[in-house]
C-alpha atoms as a PDB file:
ATOM      1  CA  UNK A   1     -28.982  35.017   3.585  1.00  0.00           C
ATOM      2  CA  UNK A   2     -32.304  33.229   3.983  1.00  0.00           C
ATOM      3  CA  UNK A   3     -30.955  30.097   2.282  1.00  0.00           C
ATOM      4  CA  UNK A   4     -27.942  30.028   4.591  1.00  0.00           C
ATOM      5  CA  UNK A   5     -30.225  30.335   7.612  1.00  0.00           C
ATOM      6  CA  UNK A   6     -32.347  27.420   6.347  1.00  0.00           C
ATOM      7  CA  UNK A   7     -29.263  25.238   5.820  1.00  0.00           C
ATOM      8  CA  UNK A   8     -27.995  26.007   9.328  1.00  0.00           C
ATOM      9  CA  UNK A   9     -31.373  25.112  10.843  1.00  0.00           C
ATOM     10  CA  UNK A  10     -31.463  21.829   8.921  1.00  0.00           C
ATOM     11  CA  UNK A  11     -27.966  20.891  10.065  1.00  0.00           C
ATOM     12  CA  UNK A  12     -28.690  21.704  13.685  1.00  0.00           C
ATOM     13  CA  UNK A  13     -32.052  19.942  13.587  1.00  0.00           C
ATOM     14  CA  UNK A  14     -30.693  16.775  11.997  1.00  0.00           C
ATOM     15  CA  UNK A  15     -27.898  16.462  14.555  1.00  0.00           C
ATOM     16  CA  UNK A  16     -30.382  16.811  17.412  1.00  0.00           C
ATOM     17  CA  UNK A  17     -32.483  13.936  16.074  1.00  0.00           C
ATOM     18  CA  UNK A  18     -29.442  11.749  15.426  1.00  0.00           C
ATOM     19  CA  UNK A  19     -28.404  11.954  19.068  1.00  0.00           C
ATOM     20  CA  UNK A  20     -31.684  10.410  20.237  1.00  0.00           C
ATOM     21  CA  UNK A  21     -31.555   7.302  18.011  1.00  0.00           C
ATOM     22  CA  UNK A  22     -31.881   3.826  19.502  1.00  0.00           C
ATOM     23  CA  UNK A  23     -33.005   0.386  18.307  1.00  0.00           C
ATOM     24  CA  UNK A  24     -35.970  -1.123  20.148  1.00  0.00           C
ATOM     25  CA  UNK A  25     -35.234  -4.670  21.312  1.00  0.00           C
ATOM     26  CA  UNK A  26     -36.980  -7.618  19.679  1.00  0.00           C
ATOM     27  CA  UNK A  27     -40.394  -8.341  21.140  1.00  0.00           C
ATOM     28  CA  UNK A  28     -40.919  -4.888  22.661  1.00  0.00           C
ATOM     29  CA  UNK A  29     -44.137  -2.947  22.231  1.00  0.00           C
ATOM     30  CA  UNK A  30     -42.242  -0.131  20.505  1.00  0.00           C
ATOM     31  CA  UNK A  31     -40.806  -2.416  17.835  1.00  0.00           C
ATOM     32  CA  UNK A  32     -44.215  -4.025  17.272  1.00  0.00           C
ATOM     33  CA  UNK A  33     -45.824  -0.586  16.961  1.00  0.00           C
ATOM     34  CA  UNK A  34     -43.255   0.494  14.350  1.00  0.00           C
ATOM     35  CA  UNK A  35     -43.938  -2.572  12.202  1.00  0.00           C
ATOM     36  CA  UNK A  36     -47.705  -2.226  12.646  1.00  0.00           C
ATOM     37  CA  UNK A  37     -47.511   1.436  11.623  1.00  0.00           C
ATOM     38  CA  UNK A  38     -45.782   0.756   8.299  1.00  0.00           C
ATOM     39  CA  UNK A  39     -47.509  -2.561   7.486  1.00  0.00           C
ATOM     40  CA  UNK A  40     -50.744  -1.121   5.942  1.00  0.00           C
ATOM     41  CA  UNK A  41     -48.750   1.071   3.558  1.00  0.00           C
ATOM     42  CA  UNK A  42     -46.523  -1.800   2.415  1.00  0.00           C
ATOM     43  CA  UNK A  43     -49.493  -4.153   2.036  1.00  0.00           C
ATOM     44  CA  UNK A  44     -51.278  -1.504  -0.033  1.00  0.00           C
ATOM     45  CA  UNK A  45     -48.192  -1.113  -2.248  1.00  0.00           C
ATOM     46  CA  UNK A  46     -47.720  -4.879  -2.702  1.00  0.00           C
ATOM     47  CA  UNK A  47     -51.408  -5.770  -2.806  1.00  0.00           C
ATOM     48  CA  UNK A  48     -51.173  -8.644  -0.323  1.00  0.00           C
ATOM     49  CA  UNK A  49     -50.557  -9.335   3.378  1.00  0.00           C
ATOM     50  CA  UNK A  50     -46.920  -9.267   4.499  1.00  0.00           C
ATOM     51  CA  UNK A  51     -44.837 -10.401   7.437  1.00  0.00           C
ATOM     52  CA  UNK A  52     -41.711  -8.437   8.300  1.00  0.00           C
ATOM     53  CA  UNK A  53     -38.480 -10.296   9.009  1.00  0.00           C
ATOM     54  CA  UNK A  54     -36.161  -7.701  10.533  1.00  0.00           C
ATOM     55  CA  UNK A  55     -32.449  -8.361  10.992  1.00  0.00           C
ATOM     56  CA  UNK A  56     -31.430  -4.750  11.712  1.00  0.00           C
ATOM     57  CA  UNK A  57     -33.697  -1.853  12.520  1.00  0.00           C
END
């Protein structure tokens, strides 16, 4: 019963988040903030500075 309840909550929760999805336009502060947030992790993984070239976000 507990597993079923967990699955139902996950399904409901994931559909709620999917409804709020949007792609920030190029050059916006939001898009820049997203790239700046992930950049340190990627640079740490690759061991050198990177520049993102994003076709689709």
